[in-house]
Amino acid sequence: MAKKDSDFDVYSTSAGLRQISNPVRQKILSELQRHDLSLSEIALLTSKAQSTLSVHLDKMVMEGLIGYRDDPQDNRRKIFYLISRPVGSSVVPREELKKAIGNTIARSIGLPSTFLKGMIRSIVIGMESIGFNMDPILKDIGRQIGSEVSKRFKSDNVEGLIQEVKEFYKEHELGEVVVYSVHPVTLIIKDEYDCSKAPDVGRTLCLLNEGMLEAIFEAKLGMPLRVAEKETFGSNFNMCKYVIEPSL
């Protein structure tokens, strides 16, 4: 969905949170999340004059959103990169989601792990109901969790890690992990939580799983990886497919 002028993104910097509502700066930060860029490359992506972009870039450097380094192949050229972290963005408030919180908790009462998942979903539903999407920070939190969990794992190969992940998820009632393929590593996580009546909101636990798996496999294999949820089996189903690939 295209952003409106009134929409904003939130980034975490060393000095605190920054709200970004300028469309040009939103575009620059979005592109820098993918890869580092020179001024000329940013100009091509934004269709803006380099003189205009220089003003924006200088301010974002001062605010601690981005940094820069000299291009080793041309020291007259700067390469810009992201030093802040995306936290979330504004979305259209949805009044009906407030009622969904009560329904979510009511259906969660019973088993402790199910209730905790209901609480997590309720937090995300509540944030979206007032107009804030927190997808980026959910994955970041998942990575922090996965980094700690990885310390308990012993395997340093793909097959062993998959088995340990399966056992960990089963032991902690996080869902059933099924191997879809090994090349590339593709896992399906079946969540016992009943999503058949869940409201259509952010991916919640899918994003937490993305971050957890990413951090676990990175830490144990010693290489940068990217985990992406490639397929949710319908908004009313309770399983997601995750593909684990080298980060480019």
C-alpha atoms as a PDB file:
ATOM      1  CA  MET A   1       0.000   0.000   0.000  1.00  0.00           C
ATOM      2  CA  ALA A   2       1.402   3.396  -0.961  1.00  0.00           C
ATOM      3  CA  LYS A   3       2.143   5.739   1.886  1.00  0.00           C
ATOM      4  CA  LYS A   4       0.174   8.926   2.337  1.00  0.00           C
ATOM      5  CA  ASP A   5       1.839  12.219   3.207  1.00  0.00           C
ATOM      6  CA  SER A   6       0.522  11.963   6.754  1.00  0.00           C
ATOM      7  CA  ASP A   7       2.030   8.511   7.338  1.00  0.00           C
ATOM      8  CA  PHE A   8       5.209   8.170   9.356  1.00  0.00           C
ATOM      9  CA  ASP A   9       7.922   5.643  10.131  1.00  0.00           C
ATOM     10  CA  VAL A  10       9.751   5.303  13.434  1.00  0.00           C
ATOM     11  CA  TYR A  11      13.479   4.538  13.714  1.00  0.00           C
ATOM     12  CA  SER A  12      15.568   3.833  16.789  1.00  0.00           C
ATOM     13  CA  THR A  13      18.839   5.772  17.022  1.00  0.00           C
ATOM     14  CA  SER A  14      21.526   6.006  19.698  1.00  0.00           C
ATOM     15  CA  ALA A  15      19.833   9.231  20.850  1.00  0.00           C
ATOM     16  CA  GLY A  16      16.315   7.777  20.958  1.00  0.00           C
ATOM     17  CA  LEU A  17      13.375   7.377  18.591  1.00  0.00           C
ATOM     18  CA  ARG A  18      12.992   9.466  15.440  1.00  0.00           C
ATOM     19  CA  GLN A  19       9.705   9.948  13.598  1.00  0.00           C
ATOM     20  CA  ILE A  20      10.133  10.200   9.833  1.00  0.00           C
ATOM     21  CA  SER A  21       7.235  11.651   7.845  1.00  0.00           C
ATOM     22  CA  ASN A  22       9.047  13.207   4.872  1.00  0.00           C
ATOM     23  CA  PRO A  23       8.425  10.916   1.853  1.00  0.00           C
ATOM     24  CA  VAL A  24      11.915  11.452   0.436  1.00  0.00           C
ATOM     25  CA  ARG A  25      13.599  10.476   3.696  1.00  0.00           C
ATOM     26  CA  GLN A  26      11.241   7.534   4.081  1.00  0.00           C
ATOM     27  CA  LYS A  27      12.290   6.330   0.625  1.00  0.00           C
ATOM     28  CA  ILE A  28      15.998   6.781   1.345  1.00  0.00           C
ATOM     29  CA  LEU A  29      15.815   4.887   4.640  1.00  0.00           C
ATOM     30  CA  SER A  30      13.753   2.129   3.064  1.00  0.00           C
ATOM     31  CA  GLU A  31      16.332   1.636   0.297  1.00  0.00           C
ATOM     32  CA  LEU A  32      19.234   1.703   2.765  1.00  0.00           C
ATOM     33  CA  GLN A  33      17.622  -1.166   4.640  1.00  0.00           C
ATOM     34  CA  ARG A  34      18.351  -3.286   1.560  1.00  0.00           C
ATOM     35  CA  HIS A  35      21.927  -2.185   0.802  1.00  0.00           C
ATOM     36  CA  ASP A  36      24.415   0.670   1.075  1.00  0.00           C
ATOM     37  CA  LEU A  37      24.134   3.345  -1.617  1.00  0.00           C
ATOM     38  CA  SER A  38      26.041   6.255  -3.128  1.00  0.00           C
ATOM     39  CA  LEU A  39      24.466   9.657  -3.707  1.00  0.00           C
ATOM     40  CA  SER A  40      24.081   8.991  -7.427  1.00  0.00           C
ATOM     41  CA  GLU A  41      22.384   5.652  -6.734  1.00  0.00           C
ATOM     42  CA  ILE A  42      19.988   7.295  -4.279  1.00  0.00           C
ATOM     43  CA  ALA A  43      19.211   9.940  -6.905  1.00  0.00           C
ATOM     44  CA  LEU A  44      18.249   7.248  -9.407  1.00  0.00           C
ATOM     45  CA  LEU A  45      16.028   5.458  -6.889  1.00  0.00           C
ATOM     46  CA  THR A  46      14.249   8.590  -5.673  1.00  0.00           C
ATOM     47  CA  SER A  47      14.208  10.614  -8.929  1.00  0.00           C
ATOM     48  CA  LYS A  48      15.436  13.622  -6.957  1.00  0.00           C
ATOM     49  CA  ALA A  49      18.266  16.042  -7.700  1.00  0.00           C
ATOM     50  CA  GLN A  50      21.534  15.330  -5.895  1.00  0.00           C
ATOM     51  CA  SER A  51      21.535  18.863  -4.448  1.00  0.00           C
ATOM     52  CA  THR A  52      18.123  18.211  -2.860  1.00  0.00           C
ATOM     53  CA  LEU A  53      19.193  14.816  -1.562  1.00  0.00           C
ATOM     54  CA  SER A  54      22.377  16.216  -0.029  1.00  0.00           C
ATOM     55  CA  VAL A  55      20.284  18.389   2.307  1.00  0.00           C
ATOM     56  CA  HIS A  56      18.242  15.378   3.421  1.00  0.00           C
ATOM     57  CA  LEU A  57      21.305  13.146   3.820  1.00  0.00           C
ATOM     58  CA  ASP A  58      23.225  15.721   5.874  1.00  0.00           C
ATOM     59  CA  LYS A  59      20.295  16.070   8.268  1.00  0.00           C
ATOM     60  CA  MET A  60      19.841  12.296   8.591  1.00  0.00           C
ATOM     61  CA  VAL A  61      23.547  11.922   9.393  1.00  0.00           C
ATOM     62  CA  MET A  62      23.239  14.604  12.101  1.00  0.00           C
ATOM     63  CA  GLU A  63      20.170  12.846  13.555  1.00  0.00           C
ATOM     64  CA  GLY A  64      21.986   9.524  13.786  1.00  0.00           C
ATOM     65  CA  LEU A  65      19.798   7.785  11.211  1.00  0.00           C
ATOM     66  CA  ILE A  66      22.525   7.048   8.665  1.00  0.00           C
ATOM     67  CA  GLY A  67      26.305   7.098   8.371  1.00  0.00           C
ATOM     68  CA  TYR A  68      28.721   7.311   5.465  1.00  0.00           C
ATOM     69  CA  ARG A  69      32.188   6.182   4.395  1.00  0.00           C
ATOM     70  CA  ASP A  70      34.464   7.004   1.494  1.00  0.00           C
ATOM     71  CA  ASP A  71      34.159   4.808  -1.564  1.00  0.00           C
ATOM     72  CA  PRO A  72      37.444   2.809  -1.725  1.00  0.00           C
ATOM     73  CA  GLN A  73      37.347   3.059  -5.526  1.00  0.00           C
ATOM     74  CA  ASP A  74      36.717   6.808  -5.574  1.00  0.00           C
ATOM     75  CA  ASN A  75      37.432   8.814  -2.414  1.00  0.00           C
ATOM     76  CA  ARG A  76      35.467  11.740  -3.827  1.00  0.00           C
ATOM     77  CA  ARG A  77      32.311   9.660  -3.481  1.00  0.00           C
ATOM     78  CA  LYS A  78      30.505   8.762  -0.259  1.00  0.00           C
ATOM     79  CA  ILE A  79      28.684   5.533   0.455  1.00  0.00           C
ATOM     80  CA  PHE A  80      25.703   5.911   2.793  1.00  0.00           C
ATOM     81  CA  TYR A  81      24.487   3.169   5.119  1.00  0.00           C
ATOM     82  CA  LEU A  82      21.852   2.701   7.806  1.00  0.00           C
ATOM     83  CA  ILE A  83      22.937   2.973  11.450  1.00  0.00           C
ATOM     84  CA  SER A  84      19.441   3.221  12.955  1.00  0.00           C
ATOM     85  CA  ARG A  85      16.829   0.470  13.230  1.00  0.00           C
ATOM     86  CA  PRO A  86      13.256   0.563  11.928  1.00  0.00           C
ATOM     87  CA  VAL A  87      10.738   0.172  14.743  1.00  0.00           C
ATOM     88  CA  GLY A  88       7.347   0.522  13.076  1.00  0.00           C
ATOM     89  CA  SER A  89       5.074   2.734  11.040  1.00  0.00           C
ATOM     90  CA  SER A  90       1.660   4.323  11.094  1.00  0.00           C
ATOM     91  CA  VAL A  91      -1.321   2.496   9.641  1.00  0.00           C
ATOM     92  CA  VAL A  92      -5.017   3.270   9.389  1.00  0.00           C
ATOM     93  CA  PRO A  93      -6.607   2.789  12.851  1.00  0.00           C
ATOM     94  CA  ARG A  94      -9.107  -0.060  12.988  1.00  0.00           C
ATOM     95  CA  GLU A  95     -11.800   0.222  15.624  1.00  0.00           C
ATOM     96  CA  GLU A  96     -12.989  -3.372  15.141  1.00  0.00           C
ATOM     97  CA  LEU A  97      -9.656  -4.688  16.386  1.00  0.00           C
ATOM     98  CA  LYS A  98     -10.386  -3.470  19.915  1.00  0.00           C
ATOM     99  CA  LYS A  99     -13.238  -5.964  20.164  1.00  0.00           C
ATOM    100  CA  ALA A 100     -10.976  -8.662  18.748  1.00  0.00           C
ATOM    101  CA  ILE A 101      -8.691  -8.401  21.786  1.00  0.00           C
ATOM    102  CA  GLY A 102     -11.435  -9.692  24.086  1.00  0.00           C
ATOM    103  CA  ASN A 103     -12.241 -12.517  21.692  1.00  0.00           C
ATOM    104  CA  THR A 104      -8.566 -13.455  21.397  1.00  0.00           C
ATOM    105  CA  ILE A 105      -8.099 -13.689  25.159  1.00  0.00           C
ATOM    106  CA  ALA A 106     -11.365 -15.554  25.645  1.00  0.00           C
ATOM    107  CA  ARG A 107     -10.238 -18.219  23.171  1.00  0.00           C
ATOM    108  CA  SER A 108      -6.783 -18.390  24.748  1.00  0.00           C
ATOM    109  CA  ILE A 109      -7.854 -19.296  28.277  1.00  0.00           C
ATOM    110  CA  GLY A 110      -6.952 -22.870  29.069  1.00  0.00           C
ATOM    111  CA  LEU A 111      -3.336 -23.899  28.539  1.00  0.00           C
ATOM    112  CA  PRO A 112      -0.616 -21.499  29.791  1.00  0.00           C
ATOM    113  CA  SER A 113       1.339 -21.402  26.514  1.00  0.00           C
ATOM    114  CA  THR A 114      -1.838 -20.729  24.539  1.00  0.00           C
ATOM    115  CA  PHE A 115      -2.794 -17.886  26.854  1.00  0.00           C
ATOM    116  CA  LEU A 116       0.655 -16.293  26.528  1.00  0.00           C
ATOM    117  CA  LYS A 117       0.370 -16.427  22.745  1.00  0.00           C
ATOM    118  CA  GLY A 118      -3.041 -14.818  23.043  1.00  0.00           C
ATOM    119  CA  MET A 119      -1.504 -12.028  25.100  1.00  0.00           C
ATOM    120  CA  ILE A 120       1.236 -11.444  22.508  1.00  0.00           C
ATOM    121  CA  ARG A 121      -1.322 -11.310  19.726  1.00  0.00           C
ATOM    122  CA  SER A 122      -3.465  -8.949  21.785  1.00  0.00           C
ATOM    123  CA  ILE A 123      -0.563  -6.531  22.184  1.00  0.00           C
ATOM    124  CA  VAL A 124      -0.040  -6.412  18.423  1.00  0.00           C
ATOM    125  CA  ILE A 125      -3.773  -6.172  17.739  1.00  0.00           C
ATOM    126  CA  GLY A 126      -4.011  -3.332  20.245  1.00  0.00           C
ATOM    127  CA  MET A 127      -1.150  -1.410  18.615  1.00  0.00           C
ATOM    128  CA  GLU A 128      -2.688  -1.781  15.160  1.00  0.00           C
ATOM    129  CA  SER A 129      -6.099  -0.743  16.488  1.00  0.00           C
ATOM    130  CA  ILE A 130      -4.688   2.693  17.373  1.00  0.00           C
ATOM    131  CA  GLY A 131      -2.752   2.991  14.102  1.00  0.00           C
ATOM    132  CA  PHE A 132       0.764   1.632  14.707  1.00  0.00           C
ATOM    133  CA  ASN A 133       2.293  -1.357  12.939  1.00  0.00           C
ATOM    134  CA  MET A 134       5.231  -2.833  14.882  1.00  0.00           C
ATOM    135  CA  ASP A 135       6.415  -5.508  12.438  1.00  0.00           C
ATOM    136  CA  PRO A 136      10.102  -4.415  12.346  1.00  0.00           C
ATOM    137  CA  ILE A 137      10.561  -4.439  16.112  1.00  0.00           C
ATOM    138  CA  LEU A 138       8.850  -7.824  16.422  1.00  0.00           C
ATOM    139  CA  LYS A 139      11.467  -9.411  14.178  1.00  0.00           C
ATOM    140  CA  ASP A 140      14.218  -7.588  16.054  1.00  0.00           C
ATOM    141  CA  ILE A 141      12.902  -8.939  19.365  1.00  0.00           C
ATOM    142  CA  GLY A 142      12.760 -12.397  17.777  1.00  0.00           C
ATOM    143  CA  ARG A 143      16.449 -12.073  16.883  1.00  0.00           C
ATOM    144  CA  GLN A 144      17.316 -11.137  20.455  1.00  0.00           C
ATOM    145  CA  ILE A 145      15.412 -14.159  21.735  1.00  0.00           C
ATOM    146  CA  GLY A 146      17.040 -16.429  19.149  1.00  0.00           C
ATOM    147  CA  SER A 147      20.510 -15.152  20.035  1.00  0.00           C
ATOM    148  CA  GLU A 148      20.038 -16.287  23.629  1.00  0.00           C
ATOM    149  CA  VAL A 149      18.367 -19.573  22.649  1.00  0.00           C
ATOM    150  CA  SER A 150      21.250 -20.415  20.284  1.00  0.00           C
ATOM    151  CA  LYS A 151      23.623 -20.638  23.269  1.00  0.00           C
ATOM    152  CA  ARG A 152      21.792 -23.820  24.335  1.00  0.00           C
ATOM    153  CA  PHE A 153      22.269 -25.479  20.941  1.00  0.00           C
ATOM    154  CA  LYS A 154      25.253 -27.736  20.195  1.00  0.00           C
ATOM    155  CA  SER A 155      25.056 -28.459  16.455  1.00  0.00           C
ATOM    156  CA  ASP A 156      27.110 -26.528  13.905  1.00  0.00           C
ATOM    157  CA  ASN A 157      25.606 -28.129  10.812  1.00  0.00           C
ATOM    158  CA  VAL A 158      22.249 -27.664   9.102  1.00  0.00           C
ATOM    159  CA  GLU A 159      20.841 -31.140   9.741  1.00  0.00           C
ATOM    160  CA  GLY A 160      21.703 -31.077  13.432  1.00  0.00           C
ATOM    161  CA  LEU A 161      20.343 -27.564  13.884  1.00  0.00           C
ATOM    162  CA  ILE A 162      17.045 -28.463  12.266  1.00  0.00           C
ATOM    163  CA  GLN A 163      16.650 -31.364  14.687  1.00  0.00           C
ATOM    164  CA  GLU A 164      17.479 -29.168  17.688  1.00  0.00           C
ATOM    165  CA  VAL A 165      15.027 -26.510  16.519  1.00  0.00           C
ATOM    166  CA  LYS A 166      12.305 -29.154  16.176  1.00  0.00           C
ATOM    167  CA  GLU A 167      12.965 -30.434  19.699  1.00  0.00           C
ATOM    168  CA  PHE A 168      13.135 -26.923  21.192  1.00  0.00           C
ATOM    169  CA  TYR A 169       9.833 -25.837  19.655  1.00  0.00           C
ATOM    170  CA  LYS A 170       8.138 -29.044  20.801  1.00  0.00           C
ATOM    171  CA  GLU A 171       9.502 -28.837  24.347  1.00  0.00           C
ATOM    172  CA  HIS A 172       8.416 -25.213  24.768  1.00  0.00           C
ATOM    173  CA  GLU A 173       5.029 -25.691  23.070  1.00  0.00           C
ATOM    174  CA  LEU A 174       5.857 -23.229  20.305  1.00  0.00           C
ATOM    175  CA  GLY A 175       4.474 -25.444  17.574  1.00  0.00           C
ATOM    176  CA  GLU A 176       5.410 -28.406  15.395  1.00  0.00           C
ATOM    177  CA  VAL A 177       8.369 -27.880  13.047  1.00  0.00           C
ATOM    178  CA  VAL A 178       8.176 -29.795   9.758  1.00  0.00           C
ATOM    179  CA  VAL A 179      11.001 -29.906   7.181  1.00  0.00           C
ATOM    180  CA  TYR A 180       9.648 -28.873   3.775  1.00  0.00           C
ATOM    181  CA  SER A 181      13.033 -28.979   2.019  1.00  0.00           C
ATOM    182  CA  VAL A 182      16.745 -28.927   2.835  1.00  0.00           C
ATOM    183  CA  HIS A 183      18.009 -27.027  -0.246  1.00  0.00           C
ATOM    184  CA  PRO A 184      17.186 -24.294   0.514  1.00  0.00           C
ATOM    185  CA  VAL A 185      16.322 -24.984   4.127  1.00  0.00           C
ATOM    186  CA  THR A 186      12.564 -24.516   4.317  1.00  0.00           C
ATOM    187  CA  LEU A 187      10.611 -25.152   7.488  1.00  0.00           C
ATOM    188  CA  ILE A 188       6.894 -25.187   8.166  1.00  0.00           C
ATOM    189  CA  ILE A 189       5.857 -24.334  11.715  1.00  0.00           C
ATOM    190  CA  LYS A 190       2.421 -25.532  12.704  1.00  0.00           C
ATOM    191  CA  ASP A 191       1.099 -23.560  15.651  1.00  0.00           C
ATOM    192  CA  GLU A 192      -1.403 -25.319  17.878  1.00  0.00           C
ATOM    193  CA  TYR A 193      -3.005 -21.924  18.547  1.00  0.00           C
ATOM    194  CA  ASP A 194      -6.398 -21.796  16.820  1.00  0.00           C
ATOM    195  CA  CYS A 195      -6.245 -18.948  14.282  1.00  0.00           C
ATOM    196  CA  SER A 196      -9.511 -19.739  12.562  1.00  0.00           C
ATOM    197  CA  LYS A 197     -11.182 -16.671  14.042  1.00  0.00           C
ATOM    198  CA  ALA A 198      -8.134 -14.454  14.465  1.00  0.00           C
ATOM    199  CA  PRO A 199      -8.393 -10.930  13.033  1.00  0.00           C
ATOM    200  CA  ASP A 200      -6.405 -10.052   9.934  1.00  0.00           C
ATOM    201  CA  VAL A 201      -3.496  -8.106  11.442  1.00  0.00           C
ATOM    202  CA  GLY A 202       0.320  -8.249  11.375  1.00  0.00           C
ATOM    203  CA  ARG A 203       2.137 -11.539  11.263  1.00  0.00           C
ATOM    204  CA  THR A 204       2.917 -11.460  15.006  1.00  0.00           C
ATOM    205  CA  LEU A 205       4.414 -14.825  15.900  1.00  0.00           C
ATOM    206  CA  CYS A 206       5.515 -15.384  12.294  1.00  0.00           C
ATOM    207  CA  LEU A 207       7.817 -12.376  12.625  1.00  0.00           C
ATOM    208  CA  LEU A 208       9.063 -13.552  16.016  1.00  0.00           C
ATOM    209  CA  ASN A 209       9.828 -16.930  14.458  1.00  0.00           C
ATOM    210  CA  GLU A 210      11.636 -15.253  11.555  1.00  0.00           C
ATOM    211  CA  GLY A 211      13.903 -13.398  13.941  1.00  0.00           C
ATOM    212  CA  MET A 212      14.481 -16.404  16.209  1.00  0.00           C
ATOM    213  CA  LEU A 213      15.387 -18.765  13.357  1.00  0.00           C
ATOM    214  CA  GLU A 214      17.593 -16.142  11.712  1.00  0.00           C
ATOM    215  CA  ALA A 215      19.632 -15.581  14.883  1.00  0.00           C
ATOM    216  CA  ILE A 216      19.899 -19.290  15.738  1.00  0.00           C
ATOM    217  CA  PHE A 217      21.131 -20.388  12.311  1.00  0.00           C
ATOM    218  CA  GLU A 218      23.461 -17.386  11.966  1.00  0.00           C
ATOM    219  CA  ALA A 219      25.069 -17.980  15.355  1.00  0.00           C
ATOM    220  CA  LYS A 220      25.617 -21.713  14.919  1.00  0.00           C
ATOM    221  CA  LEU A 221      26.606 -21.720  11.229  1.00  0.00           C
ATOM    222  CA  GLY A 222      28.771 -18.600  11.509  1.00  0.00           C
ATOM    223  CA  MET A 223      27.446 -16.850   8.430  1.00  0.00           C
ATOM    224  CA  PRO A 224      24.931 -14.068   7.690  1.00  0.00           C
ATOM    225  CA  LEU A 225      21.536 -15.493   6.820  1.00  0.00           C
ATOM    226  CA  ARG A 226      18.094 -14.226   5.990  1.00  0.00           C
ATOM    227  CA  VAL A 227      14.909 -15.947   7.078  1.00  0.00           C
ATOM    228  CA  ALA A 228      11.736 -14.944   5.290  1.00  0.00           C
ATOM    229  CA  GLU A 229       8.186 -16.128   5.840  1.00  0.00           C
ATOM    230  CA  LYS A 230       7.324 -17.045   2.262  1.00  0.00           C
ATOM    231  CA  GLU A 231       3.815 -18.322   2.755  1.00  0.00           C
ATOM    232  CA  THR A 232       1.094 -18.160   5.358  1.00  0.00           C
ATOM    233  CA  PHE A 233      -1.444 -20.841   4.598  1.00  0.00           C
ATOM    234  CA  GLY A 234      -4.345 -18.412   4.490  1.00  0.00           C
ATOM    235  CA  SER A 235      -5.158 -15.791   7.109  1.00  0.00           C
ATOM    236  CA  ASN A 236      -7.411 -18.284   8.885  1.00  0.00           C
ATOM    237  CA  PHE A 237      -4.835 -21.053   9.193  1.00  0.00           C
ATOM    238  CA  ASN A 238      -2.159 -21.785  11.766  1.00  0.00           C
ATOM    239  CA  MET A 239       1.022 -22.593   9.883  1.00  0.00           C
ATOM    240  CA  CYS A 240       3.760 -20.598   8.149  1.00  0.00           C
ATOM    241  CA  LYS A 241       6.566 -21.543   5.760  1.00  0.00           C
ATOM    242  CA  TYR A 242      10.049 -20.111   6.393  1.00  0.00           C
ATOM    243  CA  VAL A 243      12.933 -20.137   3.912  1.00  0.00           C
ATOM    244  CA  ILE A 244      16.484 -19.808   5.293  1.00  0.00           C
ATOM    245  CA  GLU A 245      18.990 -18.477   2.769  1.00  0.00           C
ATOM    246  CA  PRO A 246      22.386 -16.722   2.740  1.00  0.00           C
ATOM    247  CA  SER A 247      22.083 -12.966   3.145  1.00  0.00           C
ATOM    248  CA  LEU A 248      23.234 -11.174  -0.012  1.00  0.00           C
END
